[in-house]
Amino acid sequence: MRCFAPIVAGLAIAIMAPAASAQQPMGFFITSVGLGDGANLGGLEGADAHCQALAEAVGAGEREWRAYLSTEEDGARGISARERIGSGPWYNAAGELIAVDLDQLHLNPNIVRRTGLSEKGEPVNARGDDPNEHDILTGTMADGTAYFADDEDHTCSNWTSNADGSAQVGHHDRHGGGNTSWNSAHPTRGGCSADALRSTGGNGYFYCFAAD
């Protein structure tokens, strides 16, 4: 019996030791680069394709990626960002939980400077950095729904304008101007060009979510 003691002891240690938990797959990121044409993203189709391409570049292209963007329609409500991104849960590139579902995402998400990472797992410039790039394009209200039809442009002509117009943005670092909203902090000012976006603290970035 003594010859089996080391084996039994080893089994006991193996049973008692906690198994290493596998990192959850990335389901959320902030684009590390914009499309280079201000808020002209090629509409929702172009924005979704950008999310997909960035995800593929880091080995996450097997999932279906959607841009967190709303649209507007004349005389009607447009497409809502929250209706495009699946039901969760979503984790960032470091495996940290962002939100378990749509309710948590829009009421109390884990989106702050530390967790608002790019697809590469890198932090995105925030308030206090040079340059500040915390303005994230969304075109949405705080609950993730599209704006009701009005006289204002909240989506830079449904993400096709690099000149006139405006877009609603959020602050991924939850700071700036006394507004802590990650998805609906303020409208851009001065137009939809790359220079206009940079002038208010952005660089044409947007959020991407795995919708599957």
N, C-alpha and C. Protein backbone atom coordinates (compact mmCIF):
# COMPACT_ATOMS: atom_id res chain seq x y z
N MET A 1 0.82 -1.21 0.00
CA MET A 1 0.00 0.00 0.00
C MET A 1 0.86 1.26 0.00
N ARG A 2 2.04 1.15 0.65
CA ARG A 2 2.88 2.35 0.73
C ARG A 2 3.32 2.85 -0.64
N CYS A 3 3.46 1.93 -1.61
CA CYS A 3 3.94 2.36 -2.93
C CYS A 3 2.93 3.21 -3.67
N PHE A 4 1.66 3.19 -3.24
CA PHE A 4 0.63 3.99 -3.91
C PHE A 4 0.41 5.34 -3.24
N ALA A 5 1.03 5.54 -2.06
CA ALA A 5 0.78 6.77 -1.29
C ALA A 5 1.11 8.04 -2.06
N PRO A 6 2.28 8.12 -2.74
CA PRO A 6 2.57 9.36 -3.49
C PRO A 6 1.56 9.64 -4.58
N ILE A 7 1.09 8.56 -5.24
CA ILE A 7 0.11 8.73 -6.31
C ILE A 7 -1.20 9.26 -5.75
N VAL A 8 -1.65 8.66 -4.65
CA VAL A 8 -2.90 9.10 -4.03
C VAL A 8 -2.79 10.53 -3.56
N ALA A 9 -1.67 10.85 -2.94
CA ALA A 9 -1.48 12.24 -2.48
C ALA A 9 -1.50 13.20 -3.64
N GLY A 10 -0.86 12.79 -4.74
CA GLY A 10 -0.85 13.65 -5.92
C GLY A 10 -2.23 13.87 -6.47
N LEU A 11 -3.05 12.80 -6.44
CA LEU A 11 -4.43 12.94 -6.90
C LEU A 11 -5.21 13.88 -6.03
N ALA A 12 -4.97 13.81 -4.72
CA ALA A 12 -5.68 14.68 -3.79
C ALA A 12 -5.36 16.14 -4.07
N ILE A 13 -4.07 16.40 -4.31
CA ILE A 13 -3.66 17.78 -4.61
C ILE A 13 -4.30 18.26 -5.91
N ALA A 14 -4.34 17.37 -6.91
CA ALA A 14 -4.91 17.75 -8.20
C ALA A 14 -6.39 18.03 -8.08
N ILE A 15 -7.09 17.22 -7.24
CA ILE A 15 -8.54 17.42 -7.07
C ILE A 15 -8.83 18.71 -6.35
N MET A 16 -7.99 19.03 -5.32
CA MET A 16 -8.23 20.22 -4.51
C MET A 16 -7.85 21.50 -5.24
N ALA A 17 -6.92 21.43 -6.18
CA ALA A 17 -6.47 22.64 -6.87
C ALA A 17 -7.54 23.14 -7.82
N PRO A 18 -7.88 24.42 -7.79
CA PRO A 18 -8.91 24.95 -8.70
C PRO A 18 -8.43 24.91 -10.13
N ALA A 19 -9.31 24.55 -11.02
CA ALA A 19 -8.96 24.53 -12.44
C ALA A 19 -8.83 25.95 -12.97
N ALA A 20 -7.87 26.17 -13.84
CA ALA A 20 -7.70 27.50 -14.43
C ALA A 20 -8.88 27.80 -15.34
N SER A 21 -9.48 28.96 -15.14
CA SER A 21 -10.66 29.33 -15.94
C SER A 21 -10.22 29.88 -17.28
N ALA A 22 -10.86 29.40 -18.33
CA ALA A 22 -10.55 29.88 -19.67
C ALA A 22 -11.07 31.29 -19.85
N GLN A 23 -10.30 32.13 -20.53
CA GLN A 23 -10.74 33.50 -20.77
C GLN A 23 -11.94 33.50 -21.71
N GLN A 24 -12.90 34.32 -21.38
CA GLN A 24 -14.09 34.44 -22.20
C GLN A 24 -13.72 35.10 -23.54
N PRO A 25 -14.38 34.71 -24.62
CA PRO A 25 -14.07 35.31 -25.92
C PRO A 25 -14.50 36.77 -25.98
N MET A 26 -13.71 37.57 -26.67
CA MET A 26 -14.03 38.99 -26.81
C MET A 26 -15.36 39.17 -27.53
N GLY A 27 -16.18 40.06 -26.96
CA GLY A 27 -17.46 40.37 -27.60
C GLY A 27 -17.73 41.86 -27.67
N PHE A 28 -16.73 42.65 -27.30
CA PHE A 28 -16.88 44.12 -27.27
C PHE A 28 -15.51 44.75 -27.48
N PHE A 29 -15.48 45.79 -28.29
CA PHE A 29 -14.26 46.60 -28.37
C PHE A 29 -14.58 47.97 -28.95
N ILE A 30 -13.65 48.88 -28.76
CA ILE A 30 -13.69 50.19 -29.40
C ILE A 30 -12.72 50.11 -30.58
N THR A 31 -13.13 50.60 -31.71
CA THR A 31 -12.26 50.52 -32.89
C THR A 31 -10.93 51.22 -32.61
N SER A 32 -9.85 50.56 -32.94
CA SER A 32 -8.53 51.14 -32.71
C SER A 32 -8.22 52.24 -33.71
N VAL A 33 -8.88 52.21 -34.85
CA VAL A 33 -8.74 53.24 -35.88
C VAL A 33 -10.13 53.52 -36.46
N GLY A 34 -10.32 54.74 -36.92
CA GLY A 34 -11.55 55.06 -37.63
C GLY A 34 -11.40 54.69 -39.10
N LEU A 35 -12.38 55.12 -39.87
CA LEU A 35 -12.32 54.84 -41.31
C LEU A 35 -11.62 55.94 -42.08
N GLY A 36 -11.21 56.99 -41.38
CA GLY A 36 -10.39 58.03 -42.00
C GLY A 36 -11.14 59.07 -42.78
N ASP A 37 -12.48 59.07 -42.68
CA ASP A 37 -13.28 60.04 -43.44
C ASP A 37 -14.31 60.70 -42.54
N GLY A 38 -13.87 61.09 -41.36
CA GLY A 38 -14.78 61.70 -40.40
C GLY A 38 -15.87 60.72 -39.99
N ALA A 39 -17.11 61.21 -39.97
CA ALA A 39 -18.25 60.36 -39.60
C ALA A 39 -18.88 59.67 -40.80
N ASN A 40 -18.26 59.79 -41.97
CA ASN A 40 -18.70 59.03 -43.13
C ASN A 40 -18.14 57.62 -43.00
N LEU A 41 -18.98 56.72 -42.53
CA LEU A 41 -18.55 55.34 -42.28
C LEU A 41 -19.04 54.38 -43.36
N GLY A 42 -19.66 54.95 -44.38
CA GLY A 42 -20.28 54.09 -45.38
C GLY A 42 -21.59 53.52 -44.89
N GLY A 43 -22.28 54.28 -44.02
CA GLY A 43 -23.55 53.81 -43.46
C GLY A 43 -23.31 52.67 -42.48
N LEU A 44 -24.40 52.05 -42.04
CA LEU A 44 -24.27 50.93 -41.11
C LEU A 44 -23.49 49.78 -41.72
N GLU A 45 -23.68 49.55 -43.01
CA GLU A 45 -22.98 48.45 -43.68
C GLU A 45 -21.48 48.63 -43.63
N GLY A 46 -21.03 49.85 -43.90
CA GLY A 46 -19.60 50.12 -43.86
C GLY A 46 -19.04 50.02 -42.46
N ALA A 47 -19.80 50.50 -41.47
CA ALA A 47 -19.35 50.43 -40.08
C ALA A 47 -19.27 48.99 -39.61
N ASP A 48 -20.27 48.19 -39.94
CA ASP A 48 -20.24 46.77 -39.56
C ASP A 48 -19.04 46.06 -40.19
N ALA A 49 -18.78 46.37 -41.45
CA ALA A 49 -17.65 45.75 -42.14
C ALA A 49 -16.33 46.13 -41.48
N HIS A 50 -16.23 47.36 -40.99
CA HIS A 50 -15.01 47.80 -40.30
C HIS A 50 -14.84 47.01 -39.00
N CYS A 51 -15.92 46.85 -38.25
CA CYS A 51 -15.86 46.03 -37.03
C CYS A 51 -15.39 44.62 -37.35
N GLN A 52 -15.97 44.05 -38.39
CA GLN A 52 -15.63 42.67 -38.77
C GLN A 52 -14.17 42.55 -39.16
N ALA A 53 -13.68 43.51 -39.93
CA ALA A 53 -12.28 43.47 -40.39
C ALA A 53 -11.31 43.60 -39.22
N LEU A 54 -11.61 44.50 -38.29
CA LEU A 54 -10.73 44.66 -37.14
C LEU A 54 -10.73 43.41 -36.27
N ALA A 55 -11.90 42.81 -36.12
CA ALA A 55 -11.99 41.57 -35.33
C ALA A 55 -11.21 40.45 -36.01
N GLU A 56 -11.33 40.34 -37.32
CA GLU A 56 -10.61 39.29 -38.05
C GLU A 56 -9.10 39.46 -37.91
N ALA A 57 -8.65 40.70 -37.85
CA ALA A 57 -7.22 40.96 -37.76
C ALA A 57 -6.60 40.47 -36.46
N VAL A 58 -7.45 40.28 -35.43
CA VAL A 58 -6.94 39.78 -34.14
C VAL A 58 -7.46 38.38 -33.83
N GLY A 59 -7.96 37.70 -34.86
CA GLY A 59 -8.37 36.31 -34.69
C GLY A 59 -9.75 36.11 -34.10
N ALA A 60 -10.61 37.14 -34.17
CA ALA A 60 -11.96 37.02 -33.63
C ALA A 60 -13.01 37.15 -34.72
N GLY A 61 -12.64 36.86 -35.95
CA GLY A 61 -13.54 37.05 -37.07
C GLY A 61 -14.59 35.98 -37.24
N GLU A 62 -14.56 34.93 -36.40
CA GLU A 62 -15.57 33.89 -36.52
C GLU A 62 -16.92 34.34 -35.97
N ARG A 63 -16.92 35.43 -35.22
CA ARG A 63 -18.17 35.97 -34.68
C ARG A 63 -18.74 37.02 -35.62
N GLU A 64 -20.03 37.31 -35.48
CA GLU A 64 -20.66 38.35 -36.29
C GLU A 64 -20.61 39.66 -35.53
N TRP A 65 -19.94 40.64 -36.08
CA TRP A 65 -19.71 41.91 -35.39
C TRP A 65 -20.60 43.00 -35.96
N ARG A 66 -21.13 43.81 -35.07
CA ARG A 66 -21.99 44.94 -35.45
C ARG A 66 -21.52 46.22 -34.77
N ALA A 67 -21.63 47.31 -35.47
CA ALA A 67 -21.32 48.61 -34.90
C ALA A 67 -22.48 49.08 -34.03
N TYR A 68 -22.16 49.65 -32.89
CA TYR A 68 -23.18 50.19 -31.99
C TYR A 68 -23.53 51.60 -32.48
N LEU A 69 -24.43 51.65 -33.47
CA LEU A 69 -24.84 52.92 -34.09
C LEU A 69 -26.33 52.88 -34.37
N SER A 70 -26.98 54.03 -34.17
CA SER A 70 -28.38 54.18 -34.54
C SER A 70 -28.49 54.99 -35.82
N THR A 71 -29.68 54.98 -36.41
CA THR A 71 -29.95 55.78 -37.61
C THR A 71 -31.18 56.63 -37.39
N GLU A 72 -31.48 57.49 -38.35
CA GLU A 72 -32.66 58.35 -38.31
C GLU A 72 -33.45 58.20 -39.60
N GLU A 73 -34.75 58.42 -39.50
CA GLU A 73 -35.62 58.37 -40.67
C GLU A 73 -36.54 59.58 -40.66
N ASP A 74 -36.89 60.06 -41.85
CA ASP A 74 -37.83 61.18 -41.95
C ASP A 74 -39.21 60.73 -41.52
N GLY A 75 -39.76 61.42 -40.52
CA GLY A 75 -41.12 61.14 -40.08
C GLY A 75 -41.28 59.86 -39.29
N ALA A 76 -40.18 59.20 -38.96
CA ALA A 76 -40.27 57.95 -38.21
C ALA A 76 -39.01 57.75 -37.41
N ARG A 77 -39.06 56.79 -36.51
CA ARG A 77 -37.88 56.47 -35.73
C ARG A 77 -36.98 55.54 -36.54
N GLY A 78 -35.68 55.74 -36.41
CA GLY A 78 -34.73 54.94 -37.16
C GLY A 78 -34.40 53.62 -36.48
N ILE A 79 -33.33 53.00 -36.93
CA ILE A 79 -32.84 51.75 -36.36
C ILE A 79 -32.11 52.06 -35.06
N SER A 80 -32.38 51.30 -34.02
CA SER A 80 -31.76 51.53 -32.72
C SER A 80 -30.51 50.68 -32.55
N ALA A 81 -29.46 51.28 -32.00
CA ALA A 81 -28.21 50.56 -31.79
C ALA A 81 -28.40 49.31 -30.94
N ARG A 82 -29.23 49.39 -29.91
CA ARG A 82 -29.40 48.26 -28.99
C ARG A 82 -30.05 47.06 -29.67
N GLU A 83 -30.74 47.30 -30.79
CA GLU A 83 -31.42 46.21 -31.48
C GLU A 83 -30.51 45.50 -32.47
N ARG A 84 -29.27 45.96 -32.58
CA ARG A 84 -28.36 45.43 -33.61
C ARG A 84 -27.29 44.49 -33.04
N ILE A 85 -27.15 44.43 -31.72
CA ILE A 85 -25.93 43.87 -31.16
C ILE A 85 -26.13 42.56 -30.40
N GLY A 86 -27.25 41.90 -30.57
CA GLY A 86 -27.47 40.65 -29.87
C GLY A 86 -27.93 40.87 -28.44
N SER A 87 -27.78 39.84 -27.61
CA SER A 87 -28.33 39.89 -26.25
C SER A 87 -27.29 39.72 -25.15
N GLY A 88 -26.01 39.56 -25.51
CA GLY A 88 -24.97 39.42 -24.51
C GLY A 88 -24.84 37.98 -24.02
N PRO A 89 -23.95 37.74 -23.07
CA PRO A 89 -23.04 38.70 -22.44
C PRO A 89 -21.89 39.11 -23.35
N TRP A 90 -21.22 40.21 -22.98
CA TRP A 90 -20.10 40.72 -23.75
C TRP A 90 -18.89 40.93 -22.85
N TYR A 91 -17.73 40.51 -23.34
CA TYR A 91 -16.46 40.67 -22.61
C TYR A 91 -15.50 41.47 -23.49
N ASN A 92 -14.60 42.20 -22.83
CA ASN A 92 -13.60 42.94 -23.61
C ASN A 92 -12.43 42.03 -23.98
N ALA A 93 -11.42 42.59 -24.62
CA ALA A 93 -10.30 41.79 -25.09
C ALA A 93 -9.46 41.20 -23.97
N ALA A 94 -9.62 41.73 -22.76
CA ALA A 94 -8.90 41.19 -21.60
C ALA A 94 -9.72 40.14 -20.86
N GLY A 95 -10.91 39.84 -21.37
CA GLY A 95 -11.76 38.85 -20.73
C GLY A 95 -12.59 39.39 -19.59
N GLU A 96 -12.66 40.72 -19.44
CA GLU A 96 -13.47 41.31 -18.37
C GLU A 96 -14.90 41.49 -18.85
N LEU A 97 -15.84 41.18 -17.97
CA LEU A 97 -17.25 41.30 -18.30
C LEU A 97 -17.64 42.77 -18.46
N ILE A 98 -18.26 43.10 -19.59
CA ILE A 98 -18.77 44.45 -19.84
C ILE A 98 -20.23 44.54 -19.40
N ALA A 99 -21.02 43.57 -19.79
CA ALA A 99 -22.44 43.52 -19.39
C ALA A 99 -22.98 42.13 -19.69
N VAL A 100 -23.91 41.68 -18.86
CA VAL A 100 -24.48 40.35 -19.06
C VAL A 100 -25.60 40.36 -20.09
N ASP A 101 -26.28 41.52 -20.22
CA ASP A 101 -27.39 41.61 -21.16
C ASP A 101 -27.64 43.07 -21.51
N LEU A 102 -28.67 43.30 -22.32
CA LEU A 102 -28.96 44.66 -22.78
C LEU A 102 -29.37 45.59 -21.64
N ASP A 103 -30.07 45.06 -20.64
CA ASP A 103 -30.47 45.90 -19.52
C ASP A 103 -29.25 46.41 -18.76
N GLN A 104 -28.35 45.53 -18.40
CA GLN A 104 -27.16 45.98 -17.69
C GLN A 104 -26.31 46.90 -18.56
N LEU A 105 -26.24 46.62 -19.84
CA LEU A 105 -25.45 47.46 -20.73
C LEU A 105 -25.93 48.89 -20.72
N HIS A 106 -27.24 49.09 -20.61
CA HIS A 106 -27.78 50.45 -20.70
C HIS A 106 -28.13 51.07 -19.35
N LEU A 107 -27.94 50.31 -18.28
CA LEU A 107 -28.20 50.86 -16.95
C LEU A 107 -26.92 50.96 -16.11
N ASN A 108 -26.08 49.95 -16.16
CA ASN A 108 -24.88 49.96 -15.32
C ASN A 108 -23.78 49.09 -15.92
N PRO A 109 -23.27 49.46 -17.08
CA PRO A 109 -22.25 48.63 -17.73
C PRO A 109 -20.87 48.85 -17.11
N ASN A 110 -20.01 47.88 -17.31
CA ASN A 110 -18.63 48.00 -16.87
C ASN A 110 -17.79 48.60 -18.00
N ILE A 111 -18.16 49.81 -18.37
CA ILE A 111 -17.41 50.53 -19.40
C ILE A 111 -16.83 51.78 -18.76
N VAL A 112 -15.52 51.76 -18.57
CA VAL A 112 -14.77 52.90 -18.05
C VAL A 112 -13.44 52.94 -18.82
N ARG A 113 -12.59 53.85 -18.45
CA ARG A 113 -11.32 53.98 -19.17
C ARG A 113 -10.53 52.67 -19.17
N ARG A 114 -10.49 51.98 -18.04
CA ARG A 114 -9.70 50.76 -17.92
C ARG A 114 -10.25 49.61 -18.76
N THR A 115 -11.56 49.55 -18.90
CA THR A 115 -12.18 48.41 -19.59
C THR A 115 -12.56 48.72 -21.03
N GLY A 116 -12.58 49.99 -21.41
CA GLY A 116 -12.94 50.36 -22.78
C GLY A 116 -11.76 50.17 -23.70
N LEU A 117 -11.47 48.92 -24.02
CA LEU A 117 -10.28 48.58 -24.79
C LEU A 117 -10.57 48.44 -26.28
N SER A 118 -9.53 48.56 -27.07
CA SER A 118 -9.64 48.30 -28.51
C SER A 118 -9.64 46.81 -28.75
N GLU A 119 -9.81 46.41 -30.01
CA GLU A 119 -9.78 44.99 -30.36
C GLU A 119 -8.41 44.37 -30.09
N LYS A 120 -7.39 45.20 -29.99
CA LYS A 120 -6.04 44.73 -29.70
C LYS A 120 -5.78 44.59 -28.21
N GLY A 121 -6.78 44.95 -27.40
CA GLY A 121 -6.61 44.91 -25.96
C GLY A 121 -5.88 46.12 -25.41
N GLU A 122 -5.81 47.17 -26.21
CA GLU A 122 -5.09 48.38 -25.82
C GLU A 122 -6.05 49.45 -25.34
N PRO A 123 -5.62 50.30 -24.40
CA PRO A 123 -6.47 51.41 -23.97
C PRO A 123 -6.65 52.44 -25.08
N VAL A 124 -7.76 53.13 -25.03
CA VAL A 124 -8.07 54.18 -26.00
C VAL A 124 -7.86 55.53 -25.30
N ASN A 125 -7.22 56.46 -25.99
CA ASN A 125 -6.96 57.76 -25.39
C ASN A 125 -8.22 58.34 -24.77
N ALA A 126 -8.04 58.92 -23.59
CA ALA A 126 -9.17 59.44 -22.83
C ALA A 126 -8.88 60.85 -22.34
N ARG A 127 -9.78 61.38 -21.54
CA ARG A 127 -9.58 62.71 -20.98
C ARG A 127 -8.27 62.74 -20.20
N GLY A 128 -7.46 63.75 -20.48
CA GLY A 128 -6.15 63.85 -19.84
C GLY A 128 -5.03 63.37 -20.73
N ASP A 129 -5.37 62.61 -21.78
CA ASP A 129 -4.36 62.18 -22.74
C ASP A 129 -4.24 63.21 -23.86
N ASP A 130 -3.15 63.16 -24.56
CA ASP A 130 -2.92 64.06 -25.69
C ASP A 130 -2.64 63.23 -26.94
N PRO A 131 -3.60 63.19 -27.87
CA PRO A 131 -4.88 63.91 -27.84
C PRO A 131 -5.96 63.12 -27.09
N ASN A 132 -6.95 63.85 -26.63
CA ASN A 132 -8.12 63.21 -26.03
C ASN A 132 -8.99 62.65 -27.15
N GLU A 133 -9.32 61.36 -27.09
CA GLU A 133 -10.13 60.72 -28.13
C GLU A 133 -11.28 59.93 -27.52
N HIS A 134 -11.86 60.48 -26.45
CA HIS A 134 -12.89 59.72 -25.74
C HIS A 134 -14.28 59.83 -26.34
N ASP A 135 -14.48 60.70 -27.33
CA ASP A 135 -15.79 60.80 -28.00
C ASP A 135 -15.97 59.60 -28.92
N ILE A 136 -16.97 58.78 -28.62
CA ILE A 136 -17.23 57.58 -29.40
C ILE A 136 -18.57 57.75 -30.12
N LEU A 137 -18.57 57.64 -31.44
CA LEU A 137 -19.78 57.83 -32.23
C LEU A 137 -20.84 56.79 -31.88
N THR A 138 -22.09 57.25 -31.67
CA THR A 138 -23.20 56.32 -31.40
C THR A 138 -24.49 56.73 -32.10
N GLY A 139 -24.78 58.04 -32.13
CA GLY A 139 -26.04 58.50 -32.72
C GLY A 139 -27.27 58.03 -31.97
N THR A 140 -27.11 57.75 -30.69
CA THR A 140 -28.20 57.13 -29.95
C THR A 140 -28.53 57.87 -28.66
N MET A 141 -29.71 57.60 -28.14
CA MET A 141 -30.08 58.10 -26.83
C MET A 141 -29.50 57.16 -25.77
N ALA A 142 -29.57 57.57 -24.50
CA ALA A 142 -28.91 56.83 -23.44
C ALA A 142 -29.43 55.41 -23.27
N ASP A 143 -30.67 55.17 -23.65
CA ASP A 143 -31.21 53.81 -23.51
C ASP A 143 -30.91 52.94 -24.72
N GLY A 144 -30.11 53.47 -25.63
CA GLY A 144 -29.71 52.70 -26.79
C GLY A 144 -30.66 52.76 -27.96
N THR A 145 -31.70 53.58 -27.86
CA THR A 145 -32.68 53.67 -28.93
C THR A 145 -32.39 54.87 -29.82
N ALA A 146 -32.90 54.78 -31.04
CA ALA A 146 -32.73 55.86 -32.02
C ALA A 146 -33.55 57.08 -31.60
N TYR A 147 -33.13 58.23 -32.07
CA TYR A 147 -33.87 59.45 -31.80
C TYR A 147 -35.18 59.45 -32.58
N PHE A 148 -36.19 60.07 -31.98
CA PHE A 148 -37.43 60.31 -32.71
C PHE A 148 -37.16 61.34 -33.80
N ALA A 149 -37.93 61.31 -34.85
CA ALA A 149 -37.74 62.24 -35.96
C ALA A 149 -37.85 63.68 -35.45
N ASP A 150 -36.84 64.49 -35.73
CA ASP A 150 -36.86 65.90 -35.36
C ASP A 150 -36.03 66.67 -36.38
N ASP A 151 -35.75 67.93 -36.07
CA ASP A 151 -35.03 68.78 -37.02
C ASP A 151 -33.52 68.70 -36.85
N GLU A 152 -33.05 67.90 -35.91
CA GLU A 152 -31.62 67.81 -35.65
C GLU A 152 -31.01 66.58 -36.31
N ASP A 153 -29.74 66.70 -36.63
CA ASP A 153 -29.00 65.56 -37.16
C ASP A 153 -28.22 64.93 -36.02
N HIS A 154 -28.52 63.69 -35.69
CA HIS A 154 -27.84 63.00 -34.60
C HIS A 154 -26.89 61.92 -35.11
N THR A 155 -26.84 61.73 -36.43
CA THR A 155 -26.08 60.59 -36.98
C THR A 155 -25.21 60.96 -38.19
N CYS A 156 -24.91 62.25 -38.36
CA CYS A 156 -24.13 62.68 -39.53
C CYS A 156 -24.70 62.05 -40.80
N SER A 157 -25.99 62.32 -41.01
CA SER A 157 -26.71 61.80 -42.18
C SER A 157 -26.58 60.29 -42.31
N ASN A 158 -26.90 59.63 -41.19
CA ASN A 158 -26.84 58.16 -41.15
C ASN A 158 -25.48 57.62 -41.55
N TRP A 159 -24.45 58.30 -41.01
CA TRP A 159 -23.06 57.85 -41.13
C TRP A 159 -22.56 57.87 -42.57
N THR A 160 -23.00 58.93 -43.30
CA THR A 160 -22.54 59.10 -44.68
C THR A 160 -21.94 60.49 -44.92
N SER A 161 -21.91 61.35 -43.89
CA SER A 161 -21.44 62.72 -44.08
C SER A 161 -20.05 62.92 -43.48
N ASN A 162 -19.20 63.59 -44.23
CA ASN A 162 -17.90 64.03 -43.71
C ASN A 162 -17.81 65.55 -43.77
N ALA A 163 -18.97 66.21 -43.82
CA ALA A 163 -19.01 67.67 -43.92
C ALA A 163 -20.01 68.23 -42.93
N ASP A 164 -21.19 68.61 -43.41
CA ASP A 164 -22.19 69.20 -42.53
C ASP A 164 -22.85 68.13 -41.66
N GLY A 165 -23.45 68.62 -40.55
CA GLY A 165 -24.20 67.72 -39.69
C GLY A 165 -23.60 67.60 -38.31
N SER A 166 -24.12 66.64 -37.57
CA SER A 166 -23.68 66.40 -36.21
C SER A 166 -24.00 64.96 -35.85
N ALA A 167 -23.32 64.46 -34.82
CA ALA A 167 -23.59 63.10 -34.36
C ALA A 167 -23.51 63.06 -32.83
N GLN A 168 -24.39 62.30 -32.22
CA GLN A 168 -24.32 62.09 -30.78
C GLN A 168 -23.17 61.14 -30.46
N VAL A 169 -22.43 61.47 -29.41
CA VAL A 169 -21.30 60.63 -29.00
C VAL A 169 -21.40 60.29 -27.53
N GLY A 170 -20.70 59.24 -27.13
CA GLY A 170 -20.56 58.89 -25.72
C GLY A 170 -19.11 59.04 -25.30
N HIS A 171 -18.87 58.96 -23.99
CA HIS A 171 -17.51 59.04 -23.44
C HIS A 171 -17.13 57.68 -22.87
N HIS A 172 -16.22 57.00 -23.51
CA HIS A 172 -15.87 55.66 -23.03
C HIS A 172 -15.19 55.69 -21.67
N ASP A 173 -14.60 56.84 -21.29
CA ASP A 173 -13.94 56.96 -19.99
C ASP A 173 -14.87 57.47 -18.91
N ARG A 174 -16.10 57.81 -19.30
CA ARG A 174 -17.15 58.29 -18.39
C ARG A 174 -16.76 59.61 -17.70
N HIS A 175 -16.03 60.45 -18.43
CA HIS A 175 -15.62 61.75 -17.90
C HIS A 175 -15.78 62.81 -18.97
N GLY A 176 -15.89 64.06 -18.51
CA GLY A 176 -15.88 65.19 -19.43
C GLY A 176 -17.18 65.96 -19.42
N GLY A 177 -17.11 67.24 -19.10
CA GLY A 177 -18.28 68.08 -19.13
C GLY A 177 -19.34 67.69 -18.12
N GLY A 178 -18.96 66.97 -17.10
CA GLY A 178 -19.93 66.56 -16.09
C GLY A 178 -20.86 65.47 -16.56
N ASN A 179 -20.56 64.85 -17.70
CA ASN A 179 -21.44 63.82 -18.25
C ASN A 179 -20.73 62.47 -18.23
N THR A 180 -21.35 61.49 -17.59
CA THR A 180 -20.71 60.17 -17.44
C THR A 180 -21.30 59.13 -18.38
N SER A 181 -22.06 59.54 -19.38
CA SER A 181 -22.70 58.58 -20.27
C SER A 181 -21.71 57.98 -21.26
N TRP A 182 -21.67 56.67 -21.34
CA TRP A 182 -20.78 55.99 -22.28
C TRP A 182 -21.30 56.05 -23.71
N ASN A 183 -22.62 56.31 -23.88
CA ASN A 183 -23.19 56.24 -25.23
C ASN A 183 -23.95 57.48 -25.67
N SER A 184 -24.17 58.45 -24.80
CA SER A 184 -24.95 59.63 -25.19
C SER A 184 -24.57 60.84 -24.35
N ALA A 185 -23.35 61.32 -24.53
CA ALA A 185 -22.84 62.43 -23.71
C ALA A 185 -23.17 63.80 -24.30
N HIS A 186 -22.98 63.96 -25.61
CA HIS A 186 -23.23 65.26 -26.24
C HIS A 186 -23.14 65.11 -27.76
N PRO A 187 -23.61 66.11 -28.51
CA PRO A 187 -23.45 66.08 -29.97
C PRO A 187 -22.09 66.65 -30.36
N THR A 188 -21.60 66.21 -31.51
CA THR A 188 -20.39 66.83 -32.04
C THR A 188 -20.73 68.24 -32.48
N ARG A 189 -19.70 69.07 -32.59
CA ARG A 189 -19.91 70.46 -32.98
C ARG A 189 -19.00 70.80 -34.15
N GLY A 190 -19.51 71.60 -35.07
CA GLY A 190 -18.69 72.07 -36.18
C GLY A 190 -18.71 71.19 -37.40
N GLY A 191 -19.54 70.14 -37.41
CA GLY A 191 -19.65 69.30 -38.58
C GLY A 191 -19.24 67.86 -38.34
N CYS A 192 -19.10 67.13 -39.43
CA CYS A 192 -18.83 65.68 -39.38
C CYS A 192 -17.49 65.31 -39.97
N SER A 193 -16.67 66.29 -40.26
CA SER A 193 -15.35 66.01 -40.83
C SER A 193 -14.41 65.45 -39.77
N ALA A 194 -13.31 64.90 -40.21
CA ALA A 194 -12.31 64.39 -39.27
C ALA A 194 -11.83 65.49 -38.34
N ASP A 195 -11.61 66.68 -38.88
CA ASP A 195 -11.15 67.79 -38.05
C ASP A 195 -12.20 68.19 -37.03
N ALA A 196 -13.47 68.18 -37.44
CA ALA A 196 -14.55 68.54 -36.52
C ALA A 196 -14.66 67.52 -35.39
N LEU A 197 -14.52 66.26 -35.70
CA LEU A 197 -14.60 65.23 -34.66
C LEU A 197 -13.43 65.37 -33.68
N ARG A 198 -12.26 65.66 -34.19
CA ARG A 198 -11.10 65.83 -33.31
C ARG A 198 -11.25 67.06 -32.43
N SER A 199 -11.91 68.09 -32.92
CA SER A 199 -12.03 69.34 -32.17
C SER A 199 -12.88 69.18 -30.92
N THR A 200 -13.73 68.17 -30.88
CA THR A 200 -14.57 67.96 -29.69
C THR A 200 -14.11 66.76 -28.87
N GLY A 201 -12.95 66.20 -29.20
CA GLY A 201 -12.41 65.12 -28.38
C GLY A 201 -12.62 63.73 -28.93
N GLY A 202 -12.65 63.60 -30.25
CA GLY A 202 -12.85 62.27 -30.84
C GLY A 202 -11.93 62.04 -32.02
N ASN A 203 -12.07 60.85 -32.62
CA ASN A 203 -11.27 60.55 -33.81
C ASN A 203 -12.00 59.56 -34.72
N GLY A 204 -13.33 59.60 -34.67
CA GLY A 204 -14.10 58.73 -35.55
C GLY A 204 -14.20 57.30 -35.08
N TYR A 205 -13.95 57.04 -33.79
CA TYR A 205 -14.05 55.69 -33.27
C TYR A 205 -15.50 55.34 -32.95
N PHE A 206 -15.80 54.04 -32.90
CA PHE A 206 -17.13 53.61 -32.45
C PHE A 206 -17.01 52.25 -31.78
N TYR A 207 -18.09 51.87 -31.10
CA TYR A 207 -18.11 50.59 -30.39
C TYR A 207 -18.52 49.46 -31.33
N CYS A 208 -17.93 48.29 -31.12
CA CYS A 208 -18.30 47.09 -31.86
C CYS A 208 -18.70 46.00 -30.85
N PHE A 209 -19.78 45.29 -31.17
CA PHE A 209 -20.27 44.21 -30.32
C PHE A 209 -20.45 42.95 -31.15
N ALA A 210 -20.18 41.82 -30.55
CA ALA A 210 -20.48 40.53 -31.18
C ALA A 210 -21.98 40.28 -31.01
N ALA A 211 -22.66 40.11 -32.14
CA ALA A 211 -24.11 39.99 -32.11
C ALA A 211 -24.59 38.54 -32.04
N ASP A 212 -23.67 37.58 -32.08
CA ASP A 212 -24.08 36.19 -32.01
C ASP A 212 -23.94 35.63 -30.61
